[in-house]
Structures are given as structure tokens and as C-alpha cells.
PDB file of all heavy atoms in Angstrom:
ATOM      1  N   LYS A   1       3.199 -79.760 116.146  1.00  0.00           N
ATOM      2  CA  LYS A   1       2.435 -81.013 116.180  1.00  0.00           C
ATOM      3  C   LYS A   1       2.861 -81.836 114.939  1.00  0.00           C
ATOM      4  O   LYS A   1       2.804 -83.098 115.036  1.00  0.00           O
ATOM      5  CB  LYS A   1       0.945 -80.697 116.150  1.00  0.00           C
ATOM      6  CG  LYS A   1       0.112 -82.039 116.244  1.00  0.00           C
ATOM      7  CD  LYS A   1      -0.834 -81.914 117.373  1.00  0.00           C
ATOM      8  CE  LYS A   1      -1.478 -83.241 117.594  1.00  0.00           C
ATOM      9  NZ  LYS A   1      -2.759 -83.519 116.988  1.00  0.00           N
ATOM     10  N   GLU A   2       3.120 -81.243 113.767  1.00  0.00           N
ATOM     11  CA  GLU A   2       3.618 -81.968 112.648  1.00  0.00           C
ATOM     12  C   GLU A   2       4.855 -82.844 112.998  1.00  0.00           C
ATOM     13  O   GLU A   2       5.025 -83.922 112.446  1.00  0.00           O
ATOM     14  CB  GLU A   2       3.958 -81.035 111.499  1.00  0.00           C
ATOM     15  CG  GLU A   2       2.814 -80.443 110.792  1.00  0.00           C
ATOM     16  CD  GLU A   2       3.229 -79.408 109.722  1.00  0.00           C
ATOM     17  OE1 GLU A   2       4.435 -79.264 109.456  1.00  0.00           O
ATOM     18  OE2 GLU A   2       2.323 -78.775 109.141  1.00  0.00           O
ATOM     19  N   VAL A   3       5.696 -82.324 113.876  1.00  0.00           N
ATOM     20  CA  VAL A   3       6.944 -82.944 114.219  1.00  0.00           C
ATOM     21  C   VAL A   3       6.747 -83.921 115.412  1.00  0.00           C
ATOM     22  O   VAL A   3       7.165 -85.079 115.295  1.00  0.00           O
ATOM     23  CB  VAL A   3       8.052 -81.969 114.557  1.00  0.00           C
ATOM     24  CG1 VAL A   3       9.317 -82.650 115.023  1.00  0.00           C
ATOM     25  CG2 VAL A   3       8.221 -81.037 113.377  1.00  0.00           C
ATOM     26  N   VAL A   4       6.146 -83.501 116.488  1.00  0.00           N
ATOM     27  CA  VAL A   4       6.036 -84.293 117.717  1.00  0.00           C
ATOM     28  C   VAL A   4       4.893 -85.257 117.738  1.00  0.00           C
ATOM     29  O   VAL A   4       4.911 -86.227 118.508  1.00  0.00           O
ATOM     30  CB  VAL A   4       6.080 -83.456 118.993  1.00  0.00           C
ATOM     31  CG1 VAL A   4       7.412 -82.674 119.056  1.00  0.00           C
ATOM     32  CG2 VAL A   4       4.909 -82.508 119.059  1.00  0.00           C
ATOM     33  N   LYS A   5       3.857 -84.966 116.992  1.00  0.00           N
ATOM     34  CA  LYS A   5       2.674 -85.814 116.818  1.00  0.00           C
ATOM     35  C   LYS A   5       1.749 -85.919 118.010  1.00  0.00           C
ATOM     36  O   LYS A   5       0.818 -86.678 118.000  1.00  0.00           O
ATOM     37  CB  LYS A   5       3.089 -87.249 116.381  1.00  0.00           C
ATOM     38  CG  LYS A   5       4.013 -87.342 115.213  1.00  0.00           C
ATOM     39  CD  LYS A   5       3.343 -86.977 113.935  1.00  0.00           C
ATOM     40  CE  LYS A   5       4.244 -87.273 112.719  1.00  0.00           C
ATOM     41  NZ  LYS A   5       4.312 -86.291 111.757  1.00  0.00           N
ATOM     42  N   GLU A   6       2.001 -85.286 119.106  1.00  0.00           N
ATOM     43  CA  GLU A   6       1.241 -85.365 120.336  1.00  0.00           C
ATOM     44  C   GLU A   6       0.857 -83.955 120.773  1.00  0.00           C
ATOM     45  O   GLU A   6       1.738 -83.076 120.824  1.00  0.00           O
ATOM     46  CB  GLU A   6       2.015 -86.084 121.401  1.00  0.00           C
ATOM     47  CG  GLU A   6       2.259 -87.552 121.159  1.00  0.00           C
ATOM     48  CD  GLU A   6       2.878 -88.337 122.321  1.00  0.00           C
ATOM     49  OE1 GLU A   6       2.813 -87.832 123.451  1.00  0.00           O
ATOM     50  OE2 GLU A   6       3.555 -89.329 122.015  1.00  0.00           O
ATOM     51  N   HIS A   7      -0.368 -83.798 121.227  1.00  0.00           N
ATOM     52  CA  HIS A   7      -0.906 -82.519 121.642  1.00  0.00           C
ATOM     53  C   HIS A   7      -0.097 -81.845 122.701  1.00  0.00           C
ATOM     54  O   HIS A   7       0.322 -80.735 122.547  1.00  0.00           O
ATOM     55  CB  HIS A   7      -2.369 -82.692 122.087  1.00  0.00           C
ATOM     56  CG  HIS A   7      -2.988 -81.522 122.748  1.00  0.00           C
ATOM     57  ND1 HIS A   7      -3.302 -80.368 121.987  1.00  0.00           N
ATOM     58  CD2 HIS A   7      -3.247 -81.289 124.043  1.00  0.00           C
ATOM     59  CE1 HIS A   7      -3.797 -79.502 122.970  1.00  0.00           C
ATOM     60  NE2 HIS A   7      -3.787 -80.033 124.128  1.00  0.00           N
ATOM     61  N   TYR A   8       0.097 -82.611 123.778  1.00  0.00           N
ATOM     62  CA  TYR A   8       0.798 -81.980 124.959  1.00  0.00           C
ATOM     63  C   TYR A   8       2.244 -81.630 124.678  1.00  0.00           C
ATOM     64  O   TYR A   8       2.751 -80.643 125.107  1.00  0.00           O
ATOM     65  CB  TYR A   8       0.682 -82.854 126.186  1.00  0.00           C
ATOM     66  CG  TYR A   8      -0.732 -82.945 126.700  1.00  0.00           C
ATOM     67  CD1 TYR A   8      -1.465 -84.146 126.561  1.00  0.00           C
ATOM     68  CD2 TYR A   8      -1.353 -81.859 127.233  1.00  0.00           C
ATOM     69  CE1 TYR A   8      -2.782 -84.184 127.012  1.00  0.00           C
ATOM     70  CE2 TYR A   8      -2.707 -81.902 127.647  1.00  0.00           C
ATOM     71  CZ  TYR A   8      -3.357 -83.148 127.539  1.00  0.00           C
ATOM     72  OH  TYR A   8      -4.701 -83.183 127.936  1.00  0.00           O
ATOM     73  N   LEU A   9       2.946 -82.500 123.901  1.00  0.00           N
ATOM     74  CA  LEU A   9       4.285 -82.161 123.509  1.00  0.00           C
ATOM     75  C   LEU A   9       4.326 -80.910 122.612  1.00  0.00           C
ATOM     76  O   LEU A   9       5.199 -80.072 122.725  1.00  0.00           O
ATOM     77  CB  LEU A   9       4.965 -83.363 122.811  1.00  0.00           C
ATOM     78  CG  LEU A   9       5.274 -84.521 123.703  1.00  0.00           C
ATOM     79  CD1 LEU A   9       5.885 -85.677 122.875  1.00  0.00           C
ATOM     80  CD2 LEU A   9       6.293 -84.107 124.819  1.00  0.00           C
ATOM     81  N   ALA A  10       3.359 -80.799 121.747  1.00  0.00           N
ATOM     82  CA  ALA A  10       3.282 -79.648 120.799  1.00  0.00           C
ATOM     83  C   ALA A  10       3.111 -78.354 121.650  1.00  0.00           C
ATOM     84  O   ALA A  10       3.739 -77.356 121.360  1.00  0.00           O
ATOM     85  CB  ALA A  10       2.189 -79.835 119.813  1.00  0.00           C
ATOM     86  N   GLU A  11       2.229 -78.466 122.700  1.00  0.00           N
ATOM     87  CA  GLU A  11       2.067 -77.295 123.563  1.00  0.00           C
ATOM     88  C   GLU A  11       3.318 -76.964 124.267  1.00  0.00           C
ATOM     89  O   GLU A  11       3.680 -75.730 124.435  1.00  0.00           O
ATOM     90  CB  GLU A  11       0.971 -77.536 124.581  1.00  0.00           C
ATOM     91  CG  GLU A  11      -0.420 -77.544 123.967  1.00  0.00           C
ATOM     92  CD  GLU A  11      -1.533 -77.737 125.072  1.00  0.00           C
ATOM     93  OE1 GLU A  11      -1.229 -78.312 126.132  1.00  0.00           O
ATOM     94  OE2 GLU A  11      -2.659 -77.349 124.763  1.00  0.00           O
ATOM     95  N   ASP A  12       4.071 -77.922 124.715  1.00  0.00           N
ATOM     96  CA  ASP A  12       5.402 -77.677 125.343  1.00  0.00           C
ATOM     97  C   ASP A  12       6.384 -77.080 124.403  1.00  0.00           C
ATOM     98  O   ASP A  12       7.113 -76.125 124.790  1.00  0.00           O
ATOM     99  CB  ASP A  12       5.961 -79.008 125.893  1.00  0.00           C
ATOM    100  CG  ASP A  12       5.274 -79.537 127.163  1.00  0.00           C
ATOM    101  OD1 ASP A  12       4.443 -78.776 127.735  1.00  0.00           O
ATOM    102  OD2 ASP A  12       5.491 -80.665 127.455  1.00  0.00           O
ATOM    103  N   VAL A  13       6.350 -77.463 123.185  1.00  0.00           N
ATOM    104  CA  VAL A  13       7.229 -76.913 122.219  1.00  0.00           C
ATOM    105  C   VAL A  13       6.919 -75.451 121.951  1.00  0.00           C
ATOM    106  O   VAL A  13       7.820 -74.636 121.877  1.00  0.00           O
ATOM    107  CB  VAL A  13       7.176 -77.725 120.877  1.00  0.00           C
ATOM    108  CG1 VAL A  13       7.841 -76.972 119.698  1.00  0.00           C
ATOM    109  CG2 VAL A  13       7.799 -79.111 121.008  1.00  0.00           C
ATOM    110  N   VAL A  14       5.654 -75.133 121.796  1.00  0.00           N
ATOM    111  CA  VAL A  14       5.229 -73.752 121.598  1.00  0.00           C
ATOM    112  C   VAL A  14       5.632 -72.903 122.812  1.00  0.00           C
ATOM    113  O   VAL A  14       6.196 -71.764 122.607  1.00  0.00           O
ATOM    114  CB  VAL A  14       3.707 -73.695 121.289  1.00  0.00           C
ATOM    115  CG1 VAL A  14       3.300 -72.258 121.234  1.00  0.00           C
ATOM    116  CG2 VAL A  14       3.427 -74.366 119.958  1.00  0.00           C
ATOM    117  N   HIS A  15       5.473 -73.426 123.985  1.00  0.00           N
ATOM    118  CA  HIS A  15       5.839 -72.699 125.200  1.00  0.00           C
ATOM    119  C   HIS A  15       7.361 -72.413 125.194  1.00  0.00           C
ATOM    120  O   HIS A  15       7.751 -71.275 125.406  1.00  0.00           O
ATOM    121  CB  HIS A  15       5.503 -73.501 126.429  1.00  0.00           C
ATOM    122  CG  HIS A  15       6.009 -72.946 127.731  1.00  0.00           C
ATOM    123  ND1 HIS A  15       5.516 -71.795 128.214  1.00  0.00           N
ATOM    124  CD2 HIS A  15       6.903 -73.326 128.567  1.00  0.00           C
ATOM    125  CE1 HIS A  15       6.146 -71.469 129.364  1.00  0.00           C
ATOM    126  NE2 HIS A  15       7.009 -72.502 129.590  1.00  0.00           N
ATOM    127  N   GLU A  16       8.118 -73.405 124.915  1.00  0.00           N
ATOM    128  CA  GLU A  16       9.609 -73.216 124.847  1.00  0.00           C
ATOM    129  C   GLU A  16       9.988 -72.269 123.763  1.00  0.00           C
ATOM    130  O   GLU A  16      10.941 -71.462 123.875  1.00  0.00           O
ATOM    131  CB  GLU A  16      10.305 -74.586 124.541  1.00  0.00           C
ATOM    132  CG  GLU A  16      10.239 -75.520 125.733  1.00  0.00           C
ATOM    133  CD  GLU A  16      10.976 -75.019 126.937  1.00  0.00           C
ATOM    134  OE1 GLU A  16      12.065 -74.453 126.836  1.00  0.00           O
ATOM    135  OE2 GLU A  16      10.537 -75.221 128.094  1.00  0.00           O
ATOM    136  N   THR A  17       9.311 -72.296 122.658  1.00  0.00           N
ATOM    137  CA  THR A  17       9.547 -71.323 121.564  1.00  0.00           C
ATOM    138  C   THR A  17       9.253 -69.898 122.015  1.00  0.00           C
ATOM    139  O   THR A  17      10.044 -68.987 121.710  1.00  0.00           O
ATOM    140  CB  THR A  17       8.737 -71.704 120.311  1.00  0.00           C
ATOM    141  OG1 THR A  17       9.010 -73.042 119.900  1.00  0.00           O
ATOM    142  CG2 THR A  17       9.092 -70.791 119.145  1.00  0.00           C
ATOM    143  N   PHE A  18       8.140 -69.708 122.647  1.00  0.00           N
ATOM    144  CA  PHE A  18       7.830 -68.375 123.149  1.00  0.00           C
ATOM    145  C   PHE A  18       8.883 -67.907 124.215  1.00  0.00           C
ATOM    146  O   PHE A  18       9.240 -66.698 124.188  1.00  0.00           O
ATOM    147  CB  PHE A  18       6.438 -68.281 123.770  1.00  0.00           C
ATOM    148  CG  PHE A  18       5.360 -68.118 122.673  1.00  0.00           C
ATOM    149  CD1 PHE A  18       4.297 -68.961 122.580  1.00  0.00           C
ATOM    150  CD2 PHE A  18       5.465 -67.047 121.808  1.00  0.00           C
ATOM    151  CE1 PHE A  18       3.313 -68.857 121.659  1.00  0.00           C
ATOM    152  CE2 PHE A  18       4.464 -66.903 120.852  1.00  0.00           C
ATOM    153  CZ  PHE A  18       3.386 -67.793 120.739  1.00  0.00           C
ATOM    154  N   LEU A  19       9.366 -68.802 125.047  1.00  0.00           N
ATOM    155  CA  LEU A  19      10.421 -68.366 125.992  1.00  0.00           C
ATOM    156  C   LEU A  19      11.668 -67.942 125.253  1.00  0.00           C
ATOM    157  O   LEU A  19      12.363 -66.956 125.601  1.00  0.00           O
ATOM    158  CB  LEU A  19      10.719 -69.521 126.978  1.00  0.00           C
ATOM    159  CG  LEU A  19       9.582 -69.810 127.925  1.00  0.00           C
ATOM    160  CD1 LEU A  19       9.993 -71.047 128.795  1.00  0.00           C
ATOM    161  CD2 LEU A  19       9.204 -68.637 128.794  1.00  0.00           C
ATOM    162  N   GLN A  20      12.000 -68.644 124.156  1.00  0.00           N
ATOM    163  CA  GLN A  20      13.199 -68.240 123.369  1.00  0.00           C
ATOM    164  C   GLN A  20      12.924 -66.889 122.696  1.00  0.00           C
ATOM    165  O   GLN A  20      13.821 -66.038 122.635  1.00  0.00           O
ATOM    166  CB  GLN A  20      13.427 -69.286 122.299  1.00  0.00           C
ATOM    167  CG  GLN A  20      14.671 -68.931 121.464  1.00  0.00           C
ATOM    168  CD  GLN A  20      15.028 -70.007 120.426  1.00  0.00           C
ATOM    169  OE1 GLN A  20      14.441 -71.059 120.359  1.00  0.00           O
ATOM    170  NE2 GLN A  20      15.994 -69.668 119.634  1.00  0.00           N
ATOM    171  N   LEU A  21      11.716 -66.674 122.190  1.00  0.00           N
ATOM    172  CA  LEU A  21      11.403 -65.413 121.565  1.00  0.00           C
ATOM    173  C   LEU A  21      11.513 -64.287 122.525  1.00  0.00           C
ATOM    174  O   LEU A  21      11.922 -63.141 122.191  1.00  0.00           O
ATOM    175  CB  LEU A  21       9.988 -65.456 120.959  1.00  0.00           C
ATOM    176  CG  LEU A  21       9.767 -66.287 119.694  1.00  0.00           C
ATOM    177  CD1 LEU A  21       8.345 -66.307 119.320  1.00  0.00           C
ATOM    178  CD2 LEU A  21      10.615 -65.677 118.580  1.00  0.00           C
ATOM    179  N   ILE A  22      11.182 -64.464 123.819  1.00  0.00           N
ATOM    180  CA  ILE A  22      11.290 -63.455 124.780  1.00  0.00           C
ATOM    181  C   ILE A  22      12.781 -63.059 124.961  1.00  0.00           C
ATOM    182  O   ILE A  22      13.092 -61.861 125.042  1.00  0.00           O
ATOM    183  CB  ILE A  22      10.736 -63.918 126.139  1.00  0.00           C
ATOM    184  CG1 ILE A  22       9.189 -63.927 126.100  1.00  0.00           C
ATOM    185  CG2 ILE A  22      11.205 -63.080 127.295  1.00  0.00           C
ATOM    186  CD1 ILE A  22       8.494 -64.624 127.232  1.00  0.00           C
ATOM    187  N   ARG A  23      13.620 -64.008 124.922  1.00  0.00           N
ATOM    188  CA  ARG A  23      15.079 -63.762 125.064  1.00  0.00           C
ATOM    189  C   ARG A  23      15.629 -62.943 123.817  1.00  0.00           C
ATOM    190  O   ARG A  23      16.572 -62.125 123.972  1.00  0.00           O
ATOM    191  CB  ARG A  23      15.860 -65.005 125.187  1.00  0.00           C
ATOM    192  CG  ARG A  23      15.694 -65.732 126.541  1.00  0.00           C
ATOM    193  CD  ARG A  23      16.654 -66.869 126.741  1.00  0.00           C
ATOM    194  NE  ARG A  23      16.367 -68.020 125.909  1.00  0.00           N
ATOM    195  CZ  ARG A  23      15.473 -68.991 126.211  1.00  0.00           C
ATOM    196  NH1 ARG A  23      14.806 -68.895 127.303  1.00  0.00           N
ATOM    197  NH2 ARG A  23      15.292 -69.993 125.422  1.00  0.00           N
ATOM    198  N   ILE A  24      15.053 -63.107 122.665  1.00  0.00           N
ATOM    199  CA  ILE A  24      15.538 -62.425 121.474  1.00  0.00           C
ATOM    200  C   ILE A  24      14.591 -61.418 120.921  1.00  0.00           C
ATOM    201  O   ILE A  24      14.720 -61.015 119.716  1.00  0.00           O
ATOM    202  CB  ILE A  24      15.942 -63.474 120.419  1.00  0.00           C
ATOM    203  CG1 ILE A  24      14.747 -64.293 119.919  1.00  0.00           C
ATOM    204  CG2 ILE A  24      17.061 -64.295 120.886  1.00  0.00           C
ATOM    205  CD1 ILE A  24      14.943 -65.111 118.724  1.00  0.00           C
ATOM    206  N   ILE A  25      13.593 -61.016 121.629  1.00  0.00           N
ATOM    207  CA  ILE A  25      12.452 -60.219 121.087  1.00  0.00           C
ATOM    208  C   ILE A  25      12.983 -58.906 120.406  1.00  0.00           C
ATOM    209  O   ILE A  25      12.442 -58.499 119.392  1.00  0.00           O
ATOM    210  CB  ILE A  25      11.412 -59.865 122.182  1.00  0.00           C
ATOM    211  CG1 ILE A  25      10.138 -59.342 121.542  1.00  0.00           C
ATOM    212  CG2 ILE A  25      12.017 -58.922 123.214  1.00  0.00           C
ATOM    213  CD1 ILE A  25       9.382 -60.390 120.797  1.00  0.00           C
ATOM    214  N   ASP A  26      14.085 -58.320 120.866  1.00  0.00           N
ATOM    215  CA  ASP A  26      14.595 -57.073 120.216  1.00  0.00           C
ATOM    216  C   ASP A  26      15.102 -57.366 118.828  1.00  0.00           C
ATOM    217  O   ASP A  26      15.190 -56.423 118.013  1.00  0.00           O
ATOM    218  CB  ASP A  26      15.675 -56.430 121.134  1.00  0.00           C
ATOM    219  CG  ASP A  26      15.026 -55.865 122.396  1.00  0.00           C
ATOM    220  OD1 ASP A  26      13.904 -55.452 122.374  1.00  0.00           O
ATOM    221  OD2 ASP A  26      15.748 -55.854 123.418  1.00  0.00           O
ATOM    222  N   LYS A  27      15.496 -58.572 118.545  1.00  0.00           N
ATOM    223  CA  LYS A  27      16.100 -58.916 117.208  1.00  0.00           C
ATOM    224  C   LYS A  27      14.979 -59.385 116.260  1.00  0.00           C
ATOM    225  O   LYS A  27      15.301 -59.541 115.093  1.00  0.00           O
ATOM    226  CB  LYS A  27      17.097 -60.026 117.372  1.00  0.00           C
ATOM    227  CG  LYS A  27      18.332 -59.565 118.243  1.00  0.00           C
ATOM    228  CD  LYS A  27      19.292 -60.680 118.377  1.00  0.00           C
ATOM    229  CE  LYS A  27      20.433 -60.319 119.309  1.00  0.00           C
ATOM    230  NZ  LYS A  27      21.275 -61.385 119.628  1.00  0.00           N
ATOM    231  N   VAL A  28      13.737 -59.596 116.752  1.00  0.00           N
ATOM    232  CA  VAL A  28      12.731 -60.096 115.871  1.00  0.00           C
ATOM    233  C   VAL A  28      12.005 -58.920 115.217  1.00  0.00           C
ATOM    234  O   VAL A  28      11.633 -57.960 115.813  1.00  0.00           O
ATOM    235  CB  VAL A  28      11.677 -60.915 116.739  1.00  0.00           C
ATOM    236  CG1 VAL A  28      10.467 -61.356 115.912  1.00  0.00           C
ATOM    237  CG2 VAL A  28      12.326 -62.068 117.440  1.00  0.00           C
ATOM    238  N   HIS A  29      11.854 -59.067 113.884  1.00  0.00           N
ATOM    239  CA  HIS A  29      11.197 -58.003 113.122  1.00  0.00           C
ATOM    240  C   HIS A  29       9.855 -58.515 112.651  1.00  0.00           C
ATOM    241  O   HIS A  29       9.716 -59.599 112.115  1.00  0.00           O
ATOM    242  CB  HIS A  29      12.029 -57.618 111.867  1.00  0.00           C
ATOM    243  CG  HIS A  29      13.409 -57.160 112.268  1.00  0.00           C
ATOM    244  ND1 HIS A  29      13.619 -55.902 112.757  1.00  0.00           N
ATOM    245  CD2 HIS A  29      14.621 -57.728 112.235  1.00  0.00           C
ATOM    246  CE1 HIS A  29      14.893 -55.706 113.082  1.00  0.00           C
ATOM    247  NE2 HIS A  29      15.558 -56.851 112.705  1.00  0.00           N
ATOM    248  N   ILE A  30       8.797 -57.591 112.940  1.00  0.00           N
ATOM    249  CA  ILE A  30       7.464 -58.068 112.618  1.00  0.00           C
ATOM    250  C   ILE A  30       6.896 -57.313 111.360  1.00  0.00           C
ATOM    251  O   ILE A  30       5.775 -57.496 110.993  1.00  0.00           O
ATOM    252  CB  ILE A  30       6.521 -57.950 113.798  1.00  0.00           C
ATOM    253  CG1 ILE A  30       6.439 -56.435 114.249  1.00  0.00           C
ATOM    254  CG2 ILE A  30       6.950 -58.875 114.944  1.00  0.00           C
ATOM    255  CD1 ILE A  30       5.345 -56.213 115.318  1.00  0.00           C
ATOM    256  N   ASP A  31       7.820 -56.510 110.722  1.00  0.00           N
ATOM    257  CA  ASP A  31       7.348 -55.748 109.579  1.00  0.00           C
ATOM    258  C   ASP A  31       6.920 -56.550 108.377  1.00  0.00           C
ATOM    259  O   ASP A  31       5.947 -56.241 107.714  1.00  0.00           O
ATOM    260  CB  ASP A  31       8.431 -54.770 109.164  1.00  0.00           C
ATOM    261  CG  ASP A  31       8.923 -53.874 110.312  1.00  0.00           C
ATOM    262  OD1 ASP A  31       8.111 -53.686 111.260  1.00  0.00           O
ATOM    263  OD2 ASP A  31      10.049 -53.382 110.326  1.00  0.00           O
ATOM    264  N   ASP A  32       7.672 -57.608 108.031  1.00  0.00           N
ATOM    265  CA  ASP A  32       7.392 -58.374 106.902  1.00  0.00           C
ATOM    266  C   ASP A  32       6.777 -59.727 107.307  1.00  0.00           C
ATOM    267  O   ASP A  32       7.419 -60.548 107.948  1.00  0.00           O
ATOM    268  CB  ASP A  32       8.722 -58.655 106.151  1.00  0.00           C
ATOM    269  CG  ASP A  32       8.548 -59.528 104.872  1.00  0.00           C
ATOM    270  OD1 ASP A  32       7.396 -59.808 104.481  1.00  0.00           O
ATOM    271  OD2 ASP A  32       9.527 -59.897 104.306  1.00  0.00           O
ATOM    272  N   GLU A  33       5.504 -59.884 107.009  1.00  0.00           N
ATOM    273  CA  GLU A  33       4.746 -61.127 107.469  1.00  0.00           C
ATOM    274  C   GLU A  33       5.319 -62.385 106.926  1.00  0.00           C
ATOM    275  O   GLU A  33       5.395 -63.322 107.737  1.00  0.00           O
ATOM    276  CB  GLU A  33       3.271 -60.939 107.101  1.00  0.00           C
ATOM    277  CG  GLU A  33       2.427 -62.041 107.750  1.00  0.00           C
ATOM    278  CD  GLU A  33       0.975 -61.869 107.483  1.00  0.00           C
ATOM    279  OE1 GLU A  33       0.542 -60.743 107.240  1.00  0.00           O
ATOM    280  OE2 GLU A  33       0.300 -62.854 107.577  1.00  0.00           O
ATOM    281  N   LEU A  34       5.783 -62.380 105.714  1.00  0.00           N
ATOM    282  CA  LEU A  34       6.288 -63.671 105.215  1.00  0.00           C
ATOM    283  C   LEU A  34       7.577 -64.074 105.841  1.00  0.00           C
ATOM    284  O   LEU A  34       7.833 -65.215 106.176  1.00  0.00           O
ATOM    285  CB  LEU A  34       6.543 -63.530 103.646  1.00  0.00           C
ATOM    286  CG  LEU A  34       5.236 -63.521 102.804  1.00  0.00           C
ATOM    287  CD1 LEU A  34       5.634 -63.307 101.358  1.00  0.00           C
ATOM    288  CD2 LEU A  34       4.466 -64.794 102.958  1.00  0.00           C
ATOM    289  N   THR A  35       8.460 -63.022 106.107  1.00  0.00           N
ATOM    290  CA  THR A  35       9.733 -63.325 106.782  1.00  0.00           C
ATOM    291  C   THR A  35       9.478 -63.734 108.229  1.00  0.00           C
ATOM    292  O   THR A  35      10.148 -64.716 108.719  1.00  0.00           O
ATOM    293  CB  THR A  35      10.622 -62.050 106.728  1.00  0.00           C
ATOM    294  OG1 THR A  35      10.791 -61.737 105.407  1.00  0.00           O
ATOM    295  CG2 THR A  35      11.948 -62.362 107.392  1.00  0.00           C
ATOM    296  N   LEU A  36       8.552 -63.118 108.904  1.00  0.00           N
ATOM    297  CA  LEU A  36       8.204 -63.445 110.254  1.00  0.00           C
ATOM    298  C   LEU A  36       7.662 -64.884 110.329  1.00  0.00           C
ATOM    299  O   LEU A  36       8.072 -65.659 111.224  1.00  0.00           O
ATOM    300  CB  LEU A  36       7.234 -62.439 110.870  1.00  0.00           C
ATOM    301  CG  LEU A  36       6.766 -62.731 112.257  1.00  0.00           C
ATOM    302  CD1 LEU A  36       7.881 -62.774 113.249  1.00  0.00           C
ATOM    303  CD2 LEU A  36       5.711 -61.717 112.678  1.00  0.00           C
ATOM    304  N   ARG A  37       6.749 -65.180 109.441  1.00  0.00           N
ATOM    305  CA  ARG A  37       6.188 -66.499 109.433  1.00  0.00           C
ATOM    306  C   ARG A  37       7.280 -67.567 109.220  1.00  0.00           C
ATOM    307  O   ARG A  37       7.235 -68.642 109.864  1.00  0.00           O
ATOM    308  CB  ARG A  37       5.066 -66.549 108.369  1.00  0.00           C
ATOM    309  CG  ARG A  37       4.188 -67.842 108.358  1.00  0.00           C
ATOM    310  CD  ARG A  37       3.128 -67.680 107.304  1.00  0.00           C
ATOM    311  NE  ARG A  37       2.390 -68.828 107.190  1.00  0.00           N
ATOM    312  CZ  ARG A  37       1.279 -69.134 107.882  1.00  0.00           C
ATOM    313  NH1 ARG A  37       0.831 -68.295 108.790  1.00  0.00           N
ATOM    314  NH2 ARG A  37       0.655 -70.294 107.730  1.00  0.00           N
ATOM    315  N   ALA A  38       8.070 -67.348 108.217  1.00  0.00           N
ATOM    316  CA  ALA A  38       9.192 -68.296 107.992  1.00  0.00           C
ATOM    317  C   ALA A  38      10.120 -68.442 109.153  1.00  0.00           C
ATOM    318  O   ALA A  38      10.562 -69.562 109.587  1.00  0.00           O
ATOM    319  CB  ALA A  38       9.997 -67.850 106.743  1.00  0.00           C
ATOM    320  N   PHE A  39      10.440 -67.323 109.831  1.00  0.00           N
ATOM    321  CA  PHE A  39      11.259 -67.366 111.058  1.00  0.00           C
ATOM    322  C   PHE A  39      10.585 -68.208 112.126  1.00  0.00           C
ATOM    323  O   PHE A  39      11.162 -69.025 112.768  1.00  0.00           O
ATOM    324  CB  PHE A  39      11.551 -65.954 111.454  1.00  0.00           C
ATOM    325  CG  PHE A  39      12.202 -65.827 112.825  1.00  0.00           C
ATOM    326  CD1 PHE A  39      13.552 -66.222 112.958  1.00  0.00           C
ATOM    327  CD2 PHE A  39      11.517 -65.451 113.970  1.00  0.00           C
ATOM    328  CE1 PHE A  39      14.152 -66.145 114.170  1.00  0.00           C
ATOM    329  CE2 PHE A  39      12.158 -65.351 115.165  1.00  0.00           C
ATOM    330  CZ  PHE A  39      13.470 -65.713 115.276  1.00  0.00           C
TER     331      PHE A  39
END
């Protein structure tokens, strides 16, 4: 929302991001919260 400034576009962005995360989920590490948050 900071970038797109509109509620519905922000929801679309999050959806697209989750779809990307599904494609790379095996490479995502959740052990370090700061690194995960930055990623």
C-alpha cells in the first residue's frame, strides 16, 4: 500500500507475492525473523 496507494491494488500485489512465494517456497528460510521480514 505504501507503493501503490490503493487498497485493491495492494491486495492484488500481496496475492501476486504469495503466488511467487509458492513457486520458491523451498528456497525460503523462516528461521531468522529479521532476514525473512527483509526478504
